[in-house]
PDB file of N, CA and C in Angstrom:
ATOM      1  N   UNK A   1      88.778  62.018  54.610  1.00  0.00           N
ATOM      2  CA  UNK A   1      87.873  61.068  53.741  1.00  0.00           C
ATOM      3  C   UNK A   1      86.395  60.904  53.937  1.00  0.00           C
ATOM      4  N   UNK A   2      86.414  60.731  55.510  1.00  0.00           N
ATOM      5  CA  UNK A   2      84.885  60.116  55.887  1.00  0.00           C
ATOM      6  C   UNK A   2      83.925  61.204  55.235  1.00  0.00           C
ATOM      7  N   UNK A   3      84.320  62.516  55.853  1.00  0.00           N
ATOM      8  CA  UNK A   3      83.431  63.332  55.127  1.00  0.00           C
ATOM      9  C   UNK A   3      83.021  63.380  53.842  1.00  0.00           C
ATOM     10  N   UNK A   4      84.073  63.022  53.397  1.00  0.00           N
ATOM     11  CA  UNK A   4      83.979  63.106  51.917  1.00  0.00           C
ATOM     12  C   UNK A   4      82.852  61.981  51.245  1.00  0.00           C
ATOM     13  N   UNK A   5      82.808  61.057  51.856  1.00  0.00           N
ATOM     14  CA  UNK A   5      81.880  59.962  52.162  1.00  0.00           C
ATOM     15  C   UNK A   5      80.338  60.079  52.414  1.00  0.00           C
ATOM     16  N   UNK A   6      80.448  61.481  53.338  1.00  0.00           N
ATOM     17  CA  UNK A   6      79.336  61.752  53.858  1.00  0.00           C
ATOM     18  C   UNK A   6      78.635  62.625  52.957  1.00  0.00           C
ATOM     19  N   UNK A   7      79.255  63.233  52.178  1.00  0.00           N
ATOM     20  CA  UNK A   7      78.932  64.292  51.362  1.00  0.00           C
ATOM     21  C   UNK A   7      78.287  63.379  49.722  1.00  0.00           C
ATOM     22  N   UNK A   8      78.587  62.774  49.573  1.00  0.00           N
ATOM     23  CA  UNK A   8      78.021  61.728  48.294  1.00  0.00           C
ATOM     24  C   UNK A   8      77.541  60.773  49.152  1.00  0.00           C
ATOM     25  N   UNK A   9      77.184  60.635  50.281  1.00  0.00           N
ATOM     26  CA  UNK A   9      75.710  59.965  50.568  1.00  0.00           C
ATOM     27  C   UNK A   9      74.475  61.062  50.528  1.00  0.00           C
ATOM     28  N   UNK A  10      75.029  62.339  50.859  1.00  0.00           N
ATOM     29  CA  UNK A  10      74.248  63.371  50.887  1.00  0.00           C
ATOM     30  C   UNK A  10      73.466  63.707  49.897  1.00  0.00           C
ATOM     31  N   UNK A  11      74.801  63.784  48.795  1.00  0.00           N
ATOM     32  CA  UNK A  11      73.615  63.863  47.390  1.00  0.00           C
ATOM     33  C   UNK A  11      73.405  62.768  46.867  1.00  0.00           C
ATOM     34  N   UNK A  12      74.009  61.642  46.944  1.00  0.00           N
ATOM     35  CA  UNK A  12      72.818  60.259  46.549  1.00  0.00           C
ATOM     36  C   UNK A  12      71.427  60.338  47.071  1.00  0.00           C
ATOM     37  N   UNK A  13      71.577  60.530  48.316  1.00  0.00           N
ATOM     38  CA  UNK A  13      69.897  60.564  48.885  1.00  0.00           C
ATOM     39  C   UNK A  13      69.306  61.688  47.986  1.00  0.00           C
ATOM     40  N   UNK A  14      70.107  62.995  47.855  1.00  0.00           N
ATOM     41  CA  UNK A  14      68.872  63.713  47.252  1.00  0.00           C
ATOM     42  C   UNK A  14      68.456  63.049  45.629  1.00  0.00           C
ATOM     43  N   UNK A  15      69.651  62.892  45.290  1.00  0.00           N
ATOM     44  CA  UNK A  15      69.097  62.103  43.957  1.00  0.00           C
ATOM     45  C   UNK A  15      68.015  61.085  43.631  1.00  0.00           C
ATOM     46  N   UNK A  16      68.119  59.974  44.800  1.00  0.00           N
ATOM     47  CA  UNK A  16      67.242  58.904  44.851  1.00  0.00           C
ATOM     48  C   UNK A  16      65.903  59.651  44.917  1.00  0.00           C
ATOM     49  N   UNK A  17      65.588  60.677  46.259  1.00  0.00           N
ATOM     50  CA  UNK A  17      64.236  60.863  46.496  1.00  0.00           C
ATOM     51  C   UNK A  17      64.027  62.645  46.286  1.00  0.00           C
ATOM     52  N   UNK A  18      64.681  63.071  45.083  1.00  0.00           N
ATOM     53  CA  UNK A  18      64.381  64.407  44.988  1.00  0.00           C
ATOM     54  C   UNK A  18      63.961  64.630  43.309  1.00  0.00           C
ATOM     55  N   UNK A  19      62.921  64.307  42.730  1.00  0.00           N
ATOM     56  CA  UNK A  19      62.545  64.709  41.446  1.00  0.00           C
ATOM     57  C   UNK A  19      63.343  65.977  41.075  1.00  0.00           C
ATOM     58  N   UNK A  20      62.843  66.802  41.489  1.00  0.00           N
ATOM     59  CA  UNK A  20      63.675  68.410  41.185  1.00  0.00           C
ATOM     60  C   UNK A  20      65.361  68.103  40.968  1.00  0.00           C
ATOM     61  N   UNK A  21      66.014  67.537  41.830  1.00  0.00           N
ATOM     62  CA  UNK A  21      67.279  67.427  41.848  1.00  0.00           C
ATOM     63  C   UNK A  21      67.674  66.741  40.769  1.00  0.00           C
ATOM     64  N   UNK A  22      66.981  65.365  40.807  1.00  0.00           N
ATOM     65  CA  UNK A  22      67.471  64.554  39.178  1.00  0.00           C
ATOM     66  C   UNK A  22      66.951  65.312  37.649  1.00  0.00           C
ATOM     67  N   UNK A  23      65.953  66.262  37.680  1.00  0.00           N
ATOM     68  CA  UNK A  23      65.892  67.011  36.625  1.00  0.00           C
ATOM     69  C   UNK A  23      67.012  68.187  36.570  1.00  0.00           C
ATOM     70  N   UNK A  24      67.590  68.577  37.747  1.00  0.00           N
ATOM     71  CA  UNK A  24      68.467  69.372  37.488  1.00  0.00           C
ATOM     72  C   UNK A  24      69.660  68.848  36.928  1.00  0.00           C
ATOM     73  N   UNK A  25      70.249  67.915  37.590  1.00  0.00           N
ATOM     74  CA  UNK A  25      71.198  67.345  37.400  1.00  0.00           C
ATOM     75  C   UNK A  25      71.173  66.601  35.674  1.00  0.00           C
ATOM     76  N   UNK A  26      70.243  66.408  35.386  1.00  0.00           N
ATOM     77  CA  UNK A  26      70.273  66.033  33.754  1.00  0.00           C
ATOM     78  C   UNK A  26      70.218  67.271  32.986  1.00  0.00           C
ATOM     79  N   UNK A  27      69.459  68.103  33.321  1.00  0.00           N
ATOM     80  CA  UNK A  27      69.418  69.906  32.227  1.00  0.00           C
ATOM     81  C   UNK A  27      71.030  70.062  32.510  1.00  0.00           C
ATOM     82  N   UNK A  28      71.569  69.709  33.574  1.00  0.00           N
ATOM     83  CA  UNK A  28      73.093  70.260  33.419  1.00  0.00           C
ATOM     84  C   UNK A  28      73.951  69.605  32.540  1.00  0.00           C
ATOM     85  N   UNK A  29      73.694  68.153  32.695  1.00  0.00           N
ATOM     86  CA  UNK A  29      74.476  67.479  31.854  1.00  0.00           C
ATOM     87  C   UNK A  29      74.173  67.844  30.355  1.00  0.00           C
ATOM     88  N   UNK A  30      72.975  68.325  30.024  1.00  0.00           N
ATOM     89  CA  UNK A  30      72.728  68.357  28.704  1.00  0.00           C
ATOM     90  C   UNK A  30      73.232  69.717  28.358  1.00  0.00           C
ATOM     91  N   UNK A  31      73.150  70.906  28.986  1.00  0.00           N
ATOM     92  CA  UNK A  31      73.790  72.015  28.873  1.00  0.00           C
ATOM     93  C   UNK A  31      75.377  71.741  29.218  1.00  0.00           C
ATOM     94  N   UNK A  32      75.956  70.909  29.671  1.00  0.00           N
ATOM     95  CA  UNK A  32      77.212  70.676  29.454  1.00  0.00           C
ATOM     96  C   UNK A  32      77.561  70.177  28.172  1.00  0.00           C
ATOM     97  N   UNK A  33      76.924  69.114  27.712  1.00  0.00           N
ATOM     98  CA  UNK A  33      77.091  68.190  26.466  1.00  0.00           C
ATOM     99  C   UNK A  33      77.087  69.161  25.547  1.00  0.00           C
ATOM    100  N   UNK A  34      76.016  70.294  25.258  1.00  0.00           N
ATOM    101  CA  UNK A  34      75.717  71.226  24.317  1.00  0.00           C
ATOM    102  C   UNK A  34      76.783  72.138  24.368  1.00  0.00           C
ATOM    103  N   UNK A  35      77.296  72.553  25.291  1.00  0.00           N
ATOM    104  CA  UNK A  35      78.368  73.749  25.401  1.00  0.00           C
ATOM    105  C   UNK A  35      79.719  72.935  24.587  1.00  0.00           C
ATOM    106  N   UNK A  36      79.942  71.744  25.178  1.00  0.00           N
ATOM    107  CA  UNK A  36      81.095  71.099  24.645  1.00  0.00           C
ATOM    108  C   UNK A  36      81.112  70.775  22.964  1.00  0.00           C
ATOM    109  N   UNK A  37      79.695  70.440  22.635  1.00  0.00           N
ATOM    110  CA  UNK A  37      79.567  70.214  21.182  1.00  0.00           C
ATOM    111  C   UNK A  37      79.498  71.593  20.270  1.00  0.00           C
ATOM    112  N   UNK A  38      79.291  72.728  20.927  1.00  0.00           N
ATOM    113  CA  UNK A  38      79.045  73.895  20.175  1.00  0.00           C
ATOM    114  C   UNK A  38      80.376  74.286  20.400  1.00  0.00           C
ATOM    115  N   UNK A  39      81.491  74.054  21.506  1.00  0.00           N
ATOM    116  CA  UNK A  39      82.744  74.794  21.727  1.00  0.00           C
ATOM    117  C   UNK A  39      82.449  75.991  22.306  1.00  0.00           C
ATOM    118  N   UNK A  40      81.649  76.503  23.036  1.00  0.00           N
ATOM    119  CA  UNK A  40      80.887  77.122  23.997  1.00  0.00           C
ATOM    120  C   UNK A  40      81.766  77.210  25.157  1.00  0.00           C
ATOM    121  N   UNK A  41      81.995  78.316  25.692  1.00  0.00           N
ATOM    122  CA  UNK A  41      82.674  78.625  27.365  1.00  0.00           C
ATOM    123  C   UNK A  41      81.969  77.291  28.287  1.00  0.00           C
ATOM    124  N   UNK A  42      82.988  76.685  28.781  1.00  0.00           N
ATOM    125  CA  UNK A  42      81.849  75.657  29.748  1.00  0.00           C
ATOM    126  C   UNK A  42      82.198  76.252  31.643  1.00  0.00           C
ATOM    127  N   UNK A  43      83.135  77.254  31.737  1.00  0.00           N
ATOM    128  CA  UNK A  43      82.971  77.595  33.106  1.00  0.00           C
ATOM    129  C   UNK A  43      81.356  78.138  33.830  1.00  0.00           C
ATOM    130  N   UNK A  44      81.012  79.303  32.971  1.00  0.00           N
ATOM    131  CA  UNK A  44      79.406  79.857  33.227  1.00  0.00           C
ATOM    132  C   UNK A  44      78.595  78.926  33.092  1.00  0.00           C
ATOM    133  N   UNK A  45      78.501  77.648  32.199  1.00  0.00           N
ATOM    134  CA  UNK A  45      77.628  76.553  32.567  1.00  0.00           C
ATOM    135  C   UNK A  45      77.781  75.937  33.670  1.00  0.00           C
ATOM    136  N   UNK A  46      79.208  75.224  33.920  1.00  0.00           N
ATOM    137  CA  UNK A  46      79.533  74.489  35.184  1.00  0.00           C
ATOM    138  C   UNK A  46      79.350  75.362  36.416  1.00  0.00           C
ATOM    139  N   UNK A  47      79.087  76.271  36.283  1.00  0.00           N
ATOM    140  CA  UNK A  47      79.176  76.917  37.818  1.00  0.00           C
ATOM    141  C   UNK A  47      77.896  77.548  38.140  1.00  0.00           C
ATOM    142  N   UNK A  48      77.006  77.533  36.996  1.00  0.00           N
ATOM    143  CA  UNK A  48      75.654  77.975  37.277  1.00  0.00           C
ATOM    144  C   UNK A  48      74.852  76.374  37.861  1.00  0.00           C
ATOM    145  N   UNK A  49      75.296  75.286  37.137  1.00  0.00           N
ATOM    146  CA  UNK A  49      74.976  74.148  37.523  1.00  0.00           C
ATOM    147  C   UNK A  49      75.174  73.987  39.101  1.00  0.00           C
ATOM    148  N   UNK A  50      76.644  74.160  39.312  1.00  0.00           N
ATOM    149  CA  UNK A  50      76.980  73.747  41.086  1.00  0.00           C
ATOM    150  C   UNK A  50      76.224  74.357  41.378  1.00  0.00           C
ATOM    151  N   UNK A  51      75.991  75.931  41.383  1.00  0.00           N
ATOM    152  CA  UNK A  51      75.061  76.691  42.429  1.00  0.00           C
ATOM    153  C   UNK A  51      73.401  76.406  42.480  1.00  0.00           C
ATOM    154  N   UNK A  52      72.698  75.850  40.966  1.00  0.00           N
ATOM    155  CA  UNK A  52      71.567  75.411  41.474  1.00  0.00           C
ATOM    156  C   UNK A  52      71.459  74.142  42.203  1.00  0.00           C
ATOM    157  N   UNK A  53      72.640  72.883  42.087  1.00  0.00           N
ATOM    158  CA  UNK A  53      72.450  72.019  42.612  1.00  0.00           C
ATOM    159  C   UNK A  53      72.968  72.028  44.144  1.00  0.00           C
ATOM    160  N   UNK A  54      73.620  72.634  44.514  1.00  0.00           N
ATOM    161  CA  UNK A  54      74.564  73.200  45.572  1.00  0.00           C
ATOM    162  C   UNK A  54      73.086  73.631  46.645  1.00  0.00           C
ATOM    163  N   UNK A  55      72.205  74.890  45.757  1.00  0.00           N
ATOM    164  CA  UNK A  55      71.307  75.475  46.508  1.00  0.00           C
ATOM    165  C   UNK A  55      70.128  74.077  46.911  1.00  0.00           C
ATOM    166  N   UNK A  56      69.704  73.593  46.052  1.00  0.00           N
ATOM    167  CA  UNK A  56      68.939  72.509  46.034  1.00  0.00           C
ATOM    168  C   UNK A  56      69.081  71.253  47.033  1.00  0.00           C
ATOM    169  N   UNK A  57      70.632  70.945  47.317  1.00  0.00           N
ATOM    170  CA  UNK A  57      71.010  70.046  48.206  1.00  0.00           C
ATOM    171  C   UNK A  57      70.655  71.032  49.810  1.00  0.00           C
ATOM    172  N   UNK A  58      70.881  72.321  49.600  1.00  0.00           N
ATOM    173  CA  UNK A  58      70.396  73.235  50.702  1.00  0.00           C
ATOM    174  C   UNK A  58      69.317  73.056  51.156  1.00  0.00           C
ATOM    175  N   UNK A  59      68.246  73.308  50.183  1.00  0.00           N
ATOM    176  CA  UNK A  59      66.859  73.244  50.237  1.00  0.00           C
ATOM    177  C   UNK A  59      66.257  71.616  50.890  1.00  0.00           C
ATOM    178  N   UNK A  60      66.955  70.758  50.028  1.00  0.00           N
ATOM    179  CA  UNK A  60      66.630  69.383  50.872  1.00  0.00           C
ATOM    180  C   UNK A  60      66.656  69.271  52.558  1.00  0.00           C
ATOM    181  N   UNK A  61      68.177  69.602  52.618  1.00  0.00           N
ATOM    182  CA  UNK A  61      68.507  69.644  54.042  1.00  0.00           C
ATOM    183  C   UNK A  61      67.697  70.304  55.162  1.00  0.00           C
ATOM    184  N   UNK A  62      67.549  71.539  54.603  1.00  0.00           N
ATOM    185  CA  UNK A  62      66.805  72.636  55.421  1.00  0.00           C
ATOM    186  C   UNK A  62      65.244  72.332  55.447  1.00  0.00           C
ATOM    187  N   UNK A  63      64.506  71.606  54.347  1.00  0.00           N
ATOM    188  CA  UNK A  63      63.188  70.718  54.549  1.00  0.00           C
ATOM    189  C   UNK A  63      63.407  69.719  55.434  1.00  0.00           C
ATOM    190  N   UNK A  64      64.526  68.963  55.543  1.00  0.00           N
ATOM    191  CA  UNK A  64      64.580  67.736  56.665  1.00  0.00           C
ATOM    192  C   UNK A  64      64.580  68.173  58.047  1.00  0.00           C
ATOM    193  N   UNK A  65      65.511  69.358  58.009  1.00  0.00           N
ATOM    194  CA  UNK A  65      65.207  69.513  59.413  1.00  0.00           C
ATOM    195  C   UNK A  65      64.348  70.125  59.941  1.00  0.00           C
ATOM    196  N   UNK A  66      63.499  71.007  59.107  1.00  0.00           N
ATOM    197  CA  UNK A  66      62.136  71.832  59.606  1.00  0.00           C
ATOM    198  C   UNK A  66      61.082  70.647  59.776  1.00  0.00           C
ATOM    199  N   UNK A  67      61.192  69.580  58.908  1.00  0.00           N
ATOM    200  CA  UNK A  67      59.908  68.617  59.116  1.00  0.00           C
ATOM    201  C   UNK A  67      60.510  67.881  60.594  1.00  0.00           C
ATOM    202  N   UNK A  68      61.596  68.096  61.068  1.00  0.00           N
ATOM    203  CA  UNK A  68      62.141  67.151  62.056  1.00  0.00           C
ATOM    204  C   UNK A  68      61.660  68.198  63.425  1.00  0.00           C
ATOM    205  N   UNK A  69      62.104  69.056  63.407  1.00  0.00           N
ATOM    206  CA  UNK A  69      61.791  70.216  64.303  1.00  0.00           C
ATOM    207  C   UNK A  69      60.307  70.661  64.390  1.00  0.00           C
ATOM    208  N   UNK A  70      59.850  70.481  63.370  1.00  0.00           N
ATOM    209  CA  UNK A  70      58.294  70.874  63.536  1.00  0.00           C
ATOM    210  C   UNK A  70      57.387  70.167  62.486  1.00  0.00           C
ATOM    211  N   UNK A  71      57.345  68.934  62.967  1.00  0.00           N
ATOM    212  CA  UNK A  71      56.262  68.305  62.243  1.00  0.00           C
ATOM    213  C   UNK A  71      54.990  68.412  62.051  1.00  0.00           C
ATOM    214  N   UNK A  72      54.190  69.314  62.604  1.00  0.00           N
ATOM    215  CA  UNK A  72      53.021  69.719  62.229  1.00  0.00           C
ATOM    216  C   UNK A  72      52.857  70.734  61.542  1.00  0.00           C
ATOM    217  N   UNK A  73      52.385  71.739  60.906  1.00  0.00           N
ATOM    218  CA  UNK A  73      52.247  72.656  60.208  1.00  0.00           C
ATOM    219  C   UNK A  73      52.444  74.072  60.998  1.00  0.00           C
ATOM    220  N   UNK A  74      53.389  74.670  60.773  1.00  0.00           N
ATOM    221  CA  UNK A  74      53.610  76.105  61.458  1.00  0.00           C
ATOM    222  C   UNK A  74      53.850  77.470  60.601  1.00  0.00           C
ATOM    223  N   UNK A  75      53.452  78.518  60.703  1.00  0.00           N
ATOM    224  CA  UNK A  75      53.729  79.353  59.543  1.00  0.00           C
ATOM    225  C   UNK A  75      55.304  79.548  59.398  1.00  0.00           C
ATOM    226  N   UNK A  76      56.048  79.540  60.385  1.00  0.00           N
ATOM    227  CA  UNK A  76      57.741  79.681  60.264  1.00  0.00           C
ATOM    228  C   UNK A  76      58.053  78.739  59.531  1.00  0.00           C
ATOM    229  N   UNK A  77      57.664  77.111  59.440  1.00  0.00           N
ATOM    230  CA  UNK A  77      58.052  76.223  59.223  1.00  0.00           C
ATOM    231  C   UNK A  77      57.948  76.655  57.767  1.00  0.00           C
ATOM    232  N   UNK A  78      56.698  77.101  57.333  1.00  0.00           N
ATOM    233  CA  UNK A  78      56.219  77.420  55.733  1.00  0.00           C
ATOM    234  C   UNK A  78      57.253  78.335  55.460  1.00  0.00           C
ATOM    235  N   UNK A  79      58.007  79.444  56.141  1.00  0.00           N
ATOM    236  CA  UNK A  79      58.246  80.489  55.950  1.00  0.00           C
ATOM    237  C   UNK A  79      59.883  80.070  55.018  1.00  0.00           C
ATOM    238  N   UNK A  80      60.077  79.162  56.148  1.00  0.00           N
ATOM    239  CA  UNK A  80      61.608  78.401  55.843  1.00  0.00           C
ATOM    240  C   UNK A  80      61.787  77.775  54.424  1.00  0.00           C
ATOM    241  N   UNK A  81      60.525  77.041  54.534  1.00  0.00           N
ATOM    242  CA  UNK A  81      60.657  76.105  53.245  1.00  0.00           C
ATOM    243  C   UNK A  81      60.522  76.765  52.038  1.00  0.00           C
ATOM    244  N   UNK A  82      59.648  77.798  51.937  1.00  0.00           N
ATOM    245  CA  UNK A  82      59.384  78.612  50.872  1.00  0.00           C
ATOM    246  C   UNK A  82      60.504  79.683  50.644  1.00  0.00           C
ATOM    247  N   UNK A  83      61.099  80.317  51.652  1.00  0.00           N
ATOM    248  CA  UNK A  83      62.337  80.938  51.336  1.00  0.00           C
ATOM    249  C   UNK A  83      63.556  79.877  50.711  1.00  0.00           C
ATOM    250  N   UNK A  84      63.782  79.207  50.900  1.00  0.00           N
ATOM    251  CA  UNK A  84      64.665  78.093  50.403  1.00  0.00           C
ATOM    252  C   UNK A  84      64.507  77.678  49.151  1.00  0.00           C
ATOM    253  N   UNK A  85      63.233  77.231  49.012  1.00  0.00           N
ATOM    254  CA  UNK A  85      62.854  76.756  47.691  1.00  0.00           C
ATOM    255  C   UNK A  85      62.929  78.425  46.878  1.00  0.00           C
ATOM    256  N   UNK A  86      62.623  79.426  47.111  1.00  0.00           N
ATOM    257  CA  UNK A  86      62.706  80.583  46.321  1.00  0.00           C
ATOM    258  C   UNK A  86      64.456  80.906  46.060  1.00  0.00           C
ATOM    259  N   UNK A  87      65.435  80.455  46.449  1.00  0.00           N
ATOM    260  CA  UNK A  87      66.743  80.986  46.190  1.00  0.00           C
ATOM    261  C   UNK A  87      66.848  79.557  45.134  1.00  0.00           C
ATOM    262  N   UNK A  88      66.448  78.379  44.804  1.00  0.00           N
ATOM    263  CA  UNK A  88      66.468  77.556  44.335  1.00  0.00           C
ATOM    264  C   UNK A  88      65.828  77.865  42.622  1.00  0.00           C
ATOM    265  N   UNK A  89      64.297  78.563  42.985  1.00  0.00           N
ATOM    266  CA  UNK A  89      63.982  79.101  41.777  1.00  0.00           C
ATOM    267  C   UNK A  89      64.747  80.004  41.303  1.00  0.00           C
ATOM    268  N   UNK A  90      65.095  81.259  42.188  1.00  0.00           N
ATOM    269  CA  UNK A  90      66.216  82.503  41.170  1.00  0.00           C
ATOM    270  C   UNK A  90      67.161  81.805  40.942  1.00  0.00           C
ATOM    271  N   UNK A  91      67.832  80.920  41.290  1.00  0.00           N
ATOM    272  CA  UNK A  91      69.075  80.376  40.829  1.00  0.00           C
ATOM    273  C   UNK A  91      69.186  79.591  39.475  1.00  0.00           C
ATOM    274  N   UNK A  92      67.757  79.200  39.352  1.00  0.00           N
ATOM    275  CA  UNK A  92      67.452  78.215  38.181  1.00  0.00           C
ATOM    276  C   UNK A  92      67.433  79.062  37.255  1.00  0.00           C
ATOM    277  N   UNK A  93      66.404  79.963  37.271  1.00  0.00           N
ATOM    278  CA  UNK A  93      66.559  81.380  36.503  1.00  0.00           C
ATOM    279  C   UNK A  93      67.668  82.103  36.045  1.00  0.00           C
ATOM    280  N   UNK A  94      68.442  82.267  36.949  1.00  0.00           N
ATOM    281  CA  UNK A  94      69.837  82.714  36.371  1.00  0.00           C
ATOM    282  C   UNK A  94      70.621  81.804  35.677  1.00  0.00           C
ATOM    283  N   UNK A  95      70.606  80.687  36.059  1.00  0.00           N
ATOM    284  CA  UNK A  95      71.344  79.684  35.164  1.00  0.00           C
ATOM    285  C   UNK A  95      70.880  79.610  33.721  1.00  0.00           C
ATOM    286  N   UNK A  96      69.379  79.541  33.571  1.00  0.00           N
ATOM    287  CA  UNK A  96      68.606  79.748  32.286  1.00  0.00           C
ATOM    288  C   UNK A  96      69.457  80.739  31.771  1.00  0.00           C
ATOM    289  N   UNK A  97      69.342  81.761  32.159  1.00  0.00           N
ATOM    290  CA  UNK A  97      69.764  83.121  31.399  1.00  0.00           C
ATOM    291  C   UNK A  97      71.164  83.138  31.053  1.00  0.00           C
ATOM    292  N   UNK A  98      72.231  82.140  32.044  1.00  0.00           N
ATOM    293  CA  UNK A  98      73.459  81.811  31.400  1.00  0.00           C
ATOM    294  C   UNK A  98      73.452  80.986  30.362  1.00  0.00           C
ATOM    295  N   UNK A  99      72.353  79.929  30.077  1.00  0.00           N
ATOM    296  CA  UNK A  99      72.363  79.260  29.497  1.00  0.00           C
ATOM    297  C   UNK A  99      72.177  79.779  27.689  1.00  0.00           C
ATOM    298  N   UNK A 100      71.183  80.713  28.295  1.00  0.00           N
ATOM    299  CA  UNK A 100      70.666  81.107  26.909  1.00  0.00           C
ATOM    300  C   UNK A 100      72.078  82.210  26.148  1.00  0.00           C
ATOM    301  N   UNK A 101      72.561  82.781  27.184  1.00  0.00           N
ATOM    302  CA  UNK A 101      73.359  83.885  26.774  1.00  0.00           C
ATOM    303  C   UNK A 101      74.736  83.119  26.192  1.00  0.00           C
ATOM    304  N   UNK A 102      75.388  81.842  26.784  1.00  0.00           N
ATOM    305  CA  UNK A 102      76.600  81.207  26.539  1.00  0.00           C
ATOM    306  C   UNK A 102      75.909  80.223  24.921  1.00  0.00           C
ATOM    307  N   UNK A 103      75.185  79.695  25.350  1.00  0.00           N
ATOM    308  CA  UNK A 103      74.957  78.740  24.352  1.00  0.00           C
ATOM    309  C   UNK A 103      74.083  78.997  22.798  1.00  0.00           C
ATOM    310  N   UNK A 104      73.021  79.679  23.025  1.00  0.00           N
ATOM    311  CA  UNK A 104      72.006  80.662  22.238  1.00  0.00           C
ATOM    312  C   UNK A 104      73.027  81.041  21.194  1.00  0.00           C
ATOM    313  N   UNK A 105      73.621  81.679  20.981  1.00  0.00           N
ATOM    314  CA  UNK A 105      74.784  82.257  19.786  1.00  0.00           C
ATOM    315  C   UNK A 105      74.987  81.024  18.783  1.00  0.00           C
ATOM    316  N   UNK A 106      75.809  80.299  19.609  1.00  0.00           N
ATOM    317  CA  UNK A 106      76.512  79.190  18.871  1.00  0.00           C
ATOM    318  C   UNK A 106      75.294  78.327  18.484  1.00  0.00           C
ATOM    319  N   UNK A 107      74.497  77.800  19.064  1.00  0.00           N
ATOM    320  CA  UNK A 107      73.186  77.137  18.668  1.00  0.00           C
ATOM    321  C   UNK A 107      72.639  77.618  17.377  1.00  0.00           C
ATOM    322  N   UNK A 108      72.551  78.866  17.480  1.00  0.00           N
ATOM    323  CA  UNK A 108      71.973  79.820  16.339  1.00  0.00           C
ATOM    324  C   UNK A 108      72.651  79.639  15.606  1.00  0.00           C
ATOM    325  N   UNK A 109      73.847  79.958  15.587  1.00  0.00           N
ATOM    326  CA  UNK A 109      74.838  79.581  13.978  1.00  0.00           C
ATOM    327  C   UNK A 109      75.230  78.401  13.631  1.00  0.00           C
ATOM    328  N   UNK A 110      74.585  77.296  14.622  1.00  0.00           N
ATOM    329  CA  UNK A 110      74.779  75.704  14.128  1.00  0.00           C
ATOM    330  C   UNK A 110      73.265  75.611  12.995  1.00  0.00           C
ATOM    331  N   UNK A 111      72.281  75.804  13.753  1.00  0.00           N
ATOM    332  CA  UNK A 111      71.107  75.827  13.038  1.00  0.00           C
ATOM    333  C   UNK A 111      70.888  76.393  12.038  1.00  0.00           C
ATOM    334  N   UNK A 112      71.264  77.734  12.058  1.00  0.00           N
ATOM    335  CA  UNK A 112      71.295  78.705  10.684  1.00  0.00           C
ATOM    336  C   UNK A 112      72.372  79.184   9.940  1.00  0.00           C
ATOM    337  N   UNK A 113      73.152  77.781   9.351  1.00  0.00           N
ATOM    338  CA  UNK A 113      74.221  78.687   9.117  1.00  0.00           C
ATOM    339  C   UNK A 113      74.349  79.244   8.214  1.00  0.00           C
TER     340      UNK A 113
END
């Protein structure tokens, strides 16, 4: 149970300190709400949200460790941070495509009866 408390502390820290994490959380809430309202499949939406948010947490953790290990500018620190950010970007683009594929058709049917 203590480890779950530590995990929630990490999530809360990311929510408090990382603007992108907050944006991604609320984008996930919006996508999930739309899926529920449109009776669209929830699984792809929830899995995409979990992937994006999980990678954002890993990115935040990696940035903290890199900053601790290399407070100054270092080319390898930049590579580590940029690569982790790239993983979040790819997951976000994938989540967007999943959202369009899952939510697009029922949304169009609702908008254009």
